[in-house]
Every structure is written in C-alpha cells, then in structure tokens.
C-alpha cells in the first residue's frame, strides 16, 4: 500500500530522504533489540541461579526456625525475637542499561551498636534459633539482589517488546510503503517524461512539414 502523495520530483526527493532515515532507524533499533536480548538472557540466567540459591537457603533457615520453635515453644520464641536490635531501610536508585532505567537497591542499616546479630540472650534459646537467625540475616543481600534482578528483567522485557514493535512497524509497514510510493512516483515521472518527448517529436515533425 503506497502513500497518498502527489507524484512530483520534490515529493520523490523528500520520500527518498524519509526512506534513508527509516532504514537507518531500523538498523539502530534492530541492533538495540539484539543487544537488549543478549543482556536480558544473561540476566535471566543470573536470576534463575540466584533464585535457586535463595530458595535453598530460605528452606534451610525455615527448617532451623521450625526446629527451634518445637524445642523452645512458641511463647519463648516470640519473646526472644520480639525486639529488633537494628532498623533496616531500603535505598533505591536508578542505573541505565541500554536506555532502560532499572533499579539499584541497597540496605541502609541503623541502630546496631555491637557485633551481634541476635536480639536475645543465649540462656533460654537454642542453637537452631541461632542458626536460623544467622541464615536469615546472611540471605538478606541475596534476596534483595534477586528482587533487583527480577524487576530489571521485567523492565527490560517491556523495552524489548516496545523496540520489537517499532522494528516491525518500520520493517513491514513504513519502509515498504515508502519504497512502493517511490517506485510509483518514479514510474509516473518516467511516463510523463516519455509523454513530453513524444509531444516534442510531434511538434518537431509539424514544424519540419510546414
């Protein structure tokens, strides 16, 4: 389907310029799409590996926690972990990956004035609770990293889809329309040129015959 334009030389020049821009834009977007796909696949692999690691560590932590609960009892356990020894907040900034703004997350910790991570004494608690608390504490950075990567993957997937639609629009709609219109105008101009030549030849013959 060609564009509805007047078949003039000026229009032909403008369309050729538009076609050149469209082809360059298509190449840039295609390169961006390919690069985004490479980075996306790398991040998906990293995400899968990290998810397996986090799930395994969480499973072990929960087993230790349930064992401590069984030995200590629910009341003693809840009293032991009722008062936190530090406050943890989340600092979120942005970084750019191939034009995609993805989150960069970090923990901000406040309140802990000693080297212990345990919010309780060791008289009424068990070693299982100590191990569960330690594992939960150690897994927090990996858990945060997993959330960061999963959100980045989601944002990159959205950008890949948008880029794919633009590439397809250029490749299957705009560029073919421009090419067909340029071909049509070129043929029209050539036809007009031949018509002018025929008319000039007729005029010449008429003049010669007179």
C-alpha atoms as a PDB file:
ATOM      1  CA  UNK A   1       0.000   0.000   0.000  1.00  0.00           C
ATOM      2  CA  UNK A   2       1.544   3.249  -1.151  1.00  0.00           C
ATOM      3  CA  UNK A   3       1.224   6.691   0.397  1.00  0.00           C
ATOM      4  CA  UNK A   4      -1.270   9.193  -0.981  1.00  0.00           C
ATOM      5  CA  UNK A   5       1.080  11.896  -2.302  1.00  0.00           C
ATOM      6  CA  UNK A   6       1.487  13.936  -5.463  1.00  0.00           C
ATOM      7  CA  UNK A   7       3.896  12.321  -7.977  1.00  0.00           C
ATOM      8  CA  UNK A   8       6.358  15.238  -8.189  1.00  0.00           C
ATOM      9  CA  UNK A   9      10.142  15.356  -8.172  1.00  0.00           C
ATOM     10  CA  UNK A  10      10.147  17.309  -4.917  1.00  0.00           C
ATOM     11  CA  UNK A  11       7.954  14.679  -3.275  1.00  0.00           C
ATOM     12  CA  UNK A  12      10.234  11.962  -4.650  1.00  0.00           C
ATOM     13  CA  UNK A  13      13.284  13.651  -3.089  1.00  0.00           C
ATOM     14  CA  UNK A  14      11.503  14.005   0.265  1.00  0.00           C
ATOM     15  CA  UNK A  15      10.413  10.361   0.232  1.00  0.00           C
ATOM     16  CA  UNK A  16      13.945   9.181  -0.539  1.00  0.00           C
ATOM     17  CA  UNK A  17      15.213  11.167   2.447  1.00  0.00           C
ATOM     18  CA  UNK A  18      12.485   9.649   4.649  1.00  0.00           C
ATOM     19  CA  UNK A  19      13.362   6.169   3.404  1.00  0.00           C
ATOM     20  CA  UNK A  20      17.030   6.729   4.210  1.00  0.00           C
ATOM     21  CA  UNK A  21      16.164   7.898   7.743  1.00  0.00           C
ATOM     22  CA  UNK A  22      13.761   4.982   8.216  1.00  0.00           C
ATOM     23  CA  UNK A  23      16.372   2.424   7.119  1.00  0.00           C
ATOM     24  CA  UNK A  24      18.996   3.906   9.450  1.00  0.00           C
ATOM     25  CA  UNK A  25      16.475   3.996  12.296  1.00  0.00           C
ATOM     26  CA  UNK A  26      15.520   0.374  11.598  1.00  0.00           C
ATOM     27  CA  UNK A  27      19.165  -0.714  11.769  1.00  0.00           C
ATOM     28  CA  UNK A  28      19.759   1.154  15.041  1.00  0.00           C
ATOM     29  CA  UNK A  29      16.609  -0.266  16.635  1.00  0.00           C
ATOM     30  CA  UNK A  30      17.442  -3.779  15.404  1.00  0.00           C
ATOM     31  CA  UNK A  31      20.939  -3.504  16.904  1.00  0.00           C
ATOM     32  CA  UNK A  32      19.420  -2.217  20.151  1.00  0.00           C
ATOM     33  CA  UNK A  33      16.920  -5.080  20.193  1.00  0.00           C
ATOM     34  CA  UNK A  34      19.677  -7.672  19.657  1.00  0.00           C
ATOM     35  CA  UNK A  35      21.849  -6.172  22.400  1.00  0.00           C
ATOM     36  CA  UNK A  36      18.900  -5.962  24.791  1.00  0.00           C
ATOM     37  CA  UNK A  37      18.113  -9.623  24.119  1.00  0.00           C
ATOM     38  CA  UNK A  38      21.700 -10.645  24.934  1.00  0.00           C
ATOM     39  CA  UNK A  39      21.687  -8.730  28.213  1.00  0.00           C
ATOM     40  CA  UNK A  40      18.168  -9.974  29.008  1.00  0.00           C
ATOM     41  CA  UNK A  41      19.199 -13.625  28.513  1.00  0.00           C
ATOM     42  CA  UNK A  42      22.272 -13.114  30.735  1.00  0.00           C
ATOM     43  CA  UNK A  43      20.091 -11.562  33.443  1.00  0.00           C
ATOM     44  CA  UNK A  44      17.512 -14.358  33.194  1.00  0.00           C
ATOM     45  CA  UNK A  45      20.263 -16.943  33.725  1.00  0.00           C
ATOM     46  CA  UNK A  46      21.623 -14.993  36.681  1.00  0.00           C
ATOM     47  CA  UNK A  47      18.098 -14.637  38.054  1.00  0.00           C
ATOM     48  CA  UNK A  48      17.446 -18.386  37.812  1.00  0.00           C
ATOM     49  CA  UNK A  49      20.737 -19.293  39.512  1.00  0.00           C
ATOM     50  CA  UNK A  50      20.200 -16.764  42.300  1.00  0.00           C
ATOM     51  CA  UNK A  51      16.582 -17.856  42.812  1.00  0.00           C
ATOM     52  CA  UNK A  52      17.644 -21.478  43.301  1.00  0.00           C
ATOM     53  CA  UNK A  53      20.308 -20.384  45.792  1.00  0.00           C
ATOM     54  CA  UNK A  54      17.911 -18.116  47.733  1.00  0.00           C
ATOM     55  CA  UNK A  55      15.140 -20.710  47.843  1.00  0.00           C
ATOM     56  CA  UNK A  56      17.528 -23.378  49.136  1.00  0.00           C
ATOM     57  CA  UNK A  57      18.907 -21.083  51.845  1.00  0.00           C
ATOM     58  CA  UNK A  58      15.418 -19.948  52.878  1.00  0.00           C
ATOM     59  CA  UNK A  59      14.288 -23.556  53.088  1.00  0.00           C
ATOM     60  CA  UNK A  60      17.198 -24.420  55.389  1.00  0.00           C
ATOM     61  CA  UNK A  61      16.544 -21.336  57.529  1.00  0.00           C
ATOM     62  CA  UNK A  62      12.873 -22.212  57.909  1.00  0.00           C
ATOM     63  CA  UNK A  63      13.765 -25.778  58.935  1.00  0.00           C
ATOM     64  CA  UNK A  64      16.068 -24.448  61.670  1.00  0.00           C
ATOM     65  CA  UNK A  65      13.400 -21.967  62.747  1.00  0.00           C
ATOM     66  CA  UNK A  66      10.709 -24.653  62.986  1.00  0.00           C
ATOM     67  CA  UNK A  67      13.087 -26.888  64.950  1.00  0.00           C
ATOM     68  CA  UNK A  68      13.800 -24.032  67.389  1.00  0.00           C
ATOM     69  CA  UNK A  69      10.062 -23.405  67.738  1.00  0.00           C
ATOM     70  CA  UNK A  70       9.446 -27.080  68.517  1.00  0.00           C
ATOM     71  CA  UNK A  71      12.192 -27.149  71.200  1.00  0.00           C
ATOM     72  CA  UNK A  72      11.644 -23.721  72.778  1.00  0.00           C
ATOM     73  CA  UNK A  73       7.900 -23.301  72.427  1.00  0.00           C
ATOM     74  CA  UNK A  74       6.024 -20.519  70.624  1.00  0.00           C
ATOM     75  CA  UNK A  75       5.896 -18.039  73.551  1.00  0.00           C
ATOM     76  CA  UNK A  76       9.598 -18.157  74.379  1.00  0.00           C
ATOM     77  CA  UNK A  77      10.486 -17.927  70.678  1.00  0.00           C
ATOM     78  CA  UNK A  78       8.265 -14.900  70.088  1.00  0.00           C
ATOM     79  CA  UNK A  79       9.608 -13.138  73.197  1.00  0.00           C
ATOM     80  CA  UNK A  80      13.175 -13.790  72.061  1.00  0.00           C
ATOM     81  CA  UNK A  81      12.773 -12.126  68.664  1.00  0.00           C
ATOM     82  CA  UNK A  82      10.173  -9.504  69.637  1.00  0.00           C
ATOM     83  CA  UNK A  83      12.546  -6.526  69.926  1.00  0.00           C
ATOM     84  CA  UNK A  84      14.824  -5.888  66.924  1.00  0.00           C
ATOM     85  CA  UNK A  85      18.349  -4.640  67.530  1.00  0.00           C
ATOM     86  CA  UNK A  86      18.618  -2.661  64.305  1.00  0.00           C
ATOM     87  CA  UNK A  87      16.443  -0.849  61.784  1.00  0.00           C
ATOM     88  CA  UNK A  88      16.829  -1.691  58.110  1.00  0.00           C
ATOM     89  CA  UNK A  89      15.527   0.587  55.367  1.00  0.00           C
ATOM     90  CA  UNK A  90      15.851   0.390  51.608  1.00  0.00           C
ATOM     91  CA  UNK A  91      17.698   2.852  49.408  1.00  0.00           C
ATOM     92  CA  UNK A  92      16.640   2.669  45.740  1.00  0.00           C
ATOM     93  CA  UNK A  93      18.493   4.473  42.966  1.00  0.00           C
ATOM     94  CA  UNK A  94      18.476   4.077  39.177  1.00  0.00           C
ATOM     95  CA  UNK A  95      21.007   2.868  36.649  1.00  0.00           C
ATOM     96  CA  UNK A  96      20.864   2.746  32.859  1.00  0.00           C
ATOM     97  CA  UNK A  97      21.142  -0.454  30.804  1.00  0.00           C
ATOM     98  CA  UNK A  98      20.808   0.155  27.045  1.00  0.00           C
ATOM     99  CA  UNK A  99      18.397   3.028  27.624  1.00  0.00           C
ATOM    100  CA  UNK A 100      16.376   1.141  30.233  1.00  0.00           C
ATOM    101  CA  UNK A 101      16.211   2.682  33.700  1.00  0.00           C
ATOM    102  CA  UNK A 102      16.486  -0.207  36.177  1.00  0.00           C
ATOM    103  CA  UNK A 103      16.573  -0.122  39.987  1.00  0.00           C
ATOM    104  CA  UNK A 104      19.698  -0.420  42.106  1.00  0.00           C
ATOM    105  CA  UNK A 105      18.824  -1.382  45.678  1.00  0.00           C
ATOM    106  CA  UNK A 106      20.874  -1.217  48.868  1.00  0.00           C
ATOM    107  CA  UNK A 107      20.112  -1.776  52.529  1.00  0.00           C
ATOM    108  CA  UNK A 108      20.615   1.084  54.979  1.00  0.00           C
ATOM    109  CA  UNK A 109      21.113  -0.296  58.481  1.00  0.00           C
ATOM    110  CA  UNK A 110      20.722   1.725  61.682  1.00  0.00           C
ATOM    111  CA  UNK A 111      20.664   1.047  65.369  1.00  0.00           C
ATOM    112  CA  UNK A 112      23.047  -1.859  65.879  1.00  0.00           C
ATOM    113  CA  UNK A 113      25.831  -0.754  68.252  1.00  0.00           C
ATOM    114  CA  UNK A 114      27.565  -4.108  68.649  1.00  0.00           C
ATOM    115  CA  UNK A 115      28.702  -7.013  66.511  1.00  0.00           C
ATOM    116  CA  UNK A 116      25.889  -9.362  67.468  1.00  0.00           C
ATOM    117  CA  UNK A 117      23.014 -10.052  65.113  1.00  0.00           C
ATOM    118  CA  UNK A 118      20.939 -11.780  67.779  1.00  0.00           C
ATOM    119  CA  UNK A 119      18.199  -9.757  69.535  1.00  0.00           C
ATOM    120  CA  UNK A 120      18.227 -12.024  72.603  1.00  0.00           C
ATOM    121  CA  UNK A 121      20.414 -13.614  75.230  1.00  0.00           C
ATOM    122  CA  UNK A 122      21.505 -17.237  74.955  1.00  0.00           C
ATOM    123  CA  UNK A 123      20.088 -18.648  78.210  1.00  0.00           C
ATOM    124  CA  UNK A 124      16.619 -19.682  77.049  1.00  0.00           C
ATOM    125  CA  UNK A 125      17.325 -20.026  73.310  1.00  0.00           C
ATOM    126  CA  UNK A 126      18.704 -22.896  71.227  1.00  0.00           C
ATOM    127  CA  UNK A 127      21.430 -23.334  68.676  1.00  0.00           C
ATOM    128  CA  UNK A 128      18.778 -23.967  65.996  1.00  0.00           C
ATOM    129  CA  UNK A 129      17.384 -20.464  66.527  1.00  0.00           C
ATOM    130  CA  UNK A 130      20.883 -19.003  66.331  1.00  0.00           C
ATOM    131  CA  UNK A 131      21.461 -20.787  63.006  1.00  0.00           C
ATOM    132  CA  UNK A 132      18.063 -19.694  61.661  1.00  0.00           C
ATOM    133  CA  UNK A 133      18.674 -16.037  62.593  1.00  0.00           C
ATOM    134  CA  UNK A 134      22.197 -16.153  61.110  1.00  0.00           C
ATOM    135  CA  UNK A 135      20.965 -17.683  57.854  1.00  0.00           C
ATOM    136  CA  UNK A 136      18.076 -15.218  57.570  1.00  0.00           C
ATOM    137  CA  UNK A 137      20.474 -12.333  58.186  1.00  0.00           C
ATOM    138  CA  UNK A 138      23.061 -13.596  55.678  1.00  0.00           C
ATOM    139  CA  UNK A 139      20.464 -14.212  52.961  1.00  0.00           C
ATOM    140  CA  UNK A 140      19.061 -10.668  53.006  1.00  0.00           C
ATOM    141  CA  UNK A 141      21.588  -9.245  50.451  1.00  0.00           C
ATOM    142  CA  UNK A 142      20.908 -12.143  48.051  1.00  0.00           C
ATOM    143  CA  UNK A 143      17.164 -11.705  48.500  1.00  0.00           C
ATOM    144  CA  UNK A 144      17.455  -8.007  47.723  1.00  0.00           C
ATOM    145  CA  UNK A 145      19.666  -8.722  44.722  1.00  0.00           C
ATOM    146  CA  UNK A 146      17.082 -11.213  43.450  1.00  0.00           C
ATOM    147  CA  UNK A 147      14.310  -8.595  43.716  1.00  0.00           C
ATOM    148  CA  UNK A 148      16.512  -6.097  41.880  1.00  0.00           C
ATOM    149  CA  UNK A 149      17.284  -8.518  39.041  1.00  0.00           C
ATOM    150  CA  UNK A 150      13.680  -9.675  38.655  1.00  0.00           C
ATOM    151  CA  UNK A 151      12.437  -6.086  38.399  1.00  0.00           C
ATOM    152  CA  UNK A 152      15.207  -5.286  35.910  1.00  0.00           C
ATOM    153  CA  UNK A 153      14.220  -8.330  33.822  1.00  0.00           C
ATOM    154  CA  UNK A 154      10.603  -7.162  33.788  1.00  0.00           C
ATOM    155  CA  UNK A 155      11.563  -3.633  32.684  1.00  0.00           C
ATOM    156  CA  UNK A 156      13.928  -4.953  30.013  1.00  0.00           C
ATOM    157  CA  UNK A 157      11.259  -7.342  28.706  1.00  0.00           C
ATOM    158  CA  UNK A 158       8.875  -4.367  28.347  1.00  0.00           C
ATOM    159  CA  UNK A 159      11.546  -2.377  26.497  1.00  0.00           C
ATOM    160  CA  UNK A 160      12.332  -5.327  24.196  1.00  0.00           C
ATOM    161  CA  UNK A 161       8.640  -5.626  23.315  1.00  0.00           C
ATOM    162  CA  UNK A 162       8.362  -1.885  22.567  1.00  0.00           C
ATOM    163  CA  UNK A 163      11.517  -1.997  20.453  1.00  0.00           C
ATOM    164  CA  UNK A 164      10.257  -5.093  18.616  1.00  0.00           C
ATOM    165  CA  UNK A 165       7.006  -3.309  17.719  1.00  0.00           C
ATOM    166  CA  UNK A 166       8.938  -0.309  16.381  1.00  0.00           C
ATOM    167  CA  UNK A 167      11.264  -2.534  14.346  1.00  0.00           C
ATOM    168  CA  UNK A 168       8.288  -4.402  12.863  1.00  0.00           C
ATOM    169  CA  UNK A 169       6.432  -1.157  12.099  1.00  0.00           C
ATOM    170  CA  UNK A 170       9.450   0.120  10.165  1.00  0.00           C
ATOM    171  CA  UNK A 171      10.274  -3.197   8.502  1.00  0.00           C
ATOM    172  CA  UNK A 172       6.787  -4.288   7.445  1.00  0.00           C
ATOM    173  CA  UNK A 173       4.816  -1.053   7.132  1.00  0.00           C
ATOM    174  CA  UNK A 174       6.740   2.208   6.780  1.00  0.00           C
ATOM    175  CA  UNK A 175       9.719   1.103   4.662  1.00  0.00           C
ATOM    176  CA  UNK A 176       7.596  -0.966   2.198  1.00  0.00           C
ATOM    177  CA  UNK A 177       5.130   1.950   1.874  1.00  0.00           C
ATOM    178  CA  UNK A 178       7.954   4.395   1.150  1.00  0.00           C
ATOM    179  CA  UNK A 179       9.590   2.015  -1.344  1.00  0.00           C
ATOM    180  CA  UNK A 180       6.309   1.384  -3.168  1.00  0.00           C
ATOM    181  CA  UNK A 181       5.495   5.102  -3.278  1.00  0.00           C
ATOM    182  CA  UNK A 182       8.975   5.956  -4.575  1.00  0.00           C
ATOM    183  CA  UNK A 183       8.610   3.284  -7.269  1.00  0.00           C
ATOM    184  CA  UNK A 184       5.174   4.634  -8.223  1.00  0.00           C
ATOM    185  CA  UNK A 185       6.368   8.270  -8.457  1.00  0.00           C
ATOM    186  CA  UNK A 186       9.472   7.246 -10.398  1.00  0.00           C
ATOM    187  CA  UNK A 187       7.332   5.363 -12.936  1.00  0.00           C
ATOM    188  CA  UNK A 188       4.916   8.293 -13.164  1.00  0.00           C
ATOM    189  CA  UNK A 189       7.733  10.763 -13.777  1.00  0.00           C
ATOM    190  CA  UNK A 190       9.298   8.489 -16.387  1.00  0.00           C
ATOM    191  CA  UNK A 191       5.911   8.126 -18.052  1.00  0.00           C
ATOM    192  CA  UNK A 192       5.459  11.901 -18.091  1.00  0.00           C
ATOM    193  CA  UNK A 193       8.986  12.286 -19.436  1.00  0.00           C
ATOM    194  CA  UNK A 194       8.256   9.869 -22.296  1.00  0.00           C
ATOM    195  CA  UNK A 195       4.987  11.713 -22.979  1.00  0.00           C
ATOM    196  CA  UNK A 196       6.851  15.011 -23.169  1.00  0.00           C
ATOM    197  CA  UNK A 197       9.418  13.518 -25.557  1.00  0.00           C
ATOM    198  CA  UNK A 198       6.657  12.182 -27.824  1.00  0.00           C
ATOM    199  CA  UNK A 199       4.936  15.573 -27.846  1.00  0.00           C
ATOM    200  CA  UNK A 200       8.194  17.355 -28.646  1.00  0.00           C
ATOM    201  CA  UNK A 201       8.862  14.945 -31.527  1.00  0.00           C
ATOM    202  CA  UNK A 202       5.364  15.569 -32.923  1.00  0.00           C
ATOM    203  CA  UNK A 203       5.871  19.337 -32.679  1.00  0.00           C
ATOM    204  CA  UNK A 204       9.217  18.984 -34.431  1.00  0.00           C
ATOM    205  CA  UNK A 205       7.640  16.954 -37.242  1.00  0.00           C
ATOM    206  CA  UNK A 206       4.860  19.501 -37.625  1.00  0.00           C
ATOM    207  CA  UNK A 207       7.383  22.330 -37.840  1.00  0.00           C
ATOM    208  CA  UNK A 208       9.525  20.423 -40.376  1.00  0.00           C
ATOM    209  CA  UNK A 209       6.490  19.610 -42.527  1.00  0.00           C
ATOM    210  CA  UNK A 210       5.461  23.249 -42.621  1.00  0.00           C
END
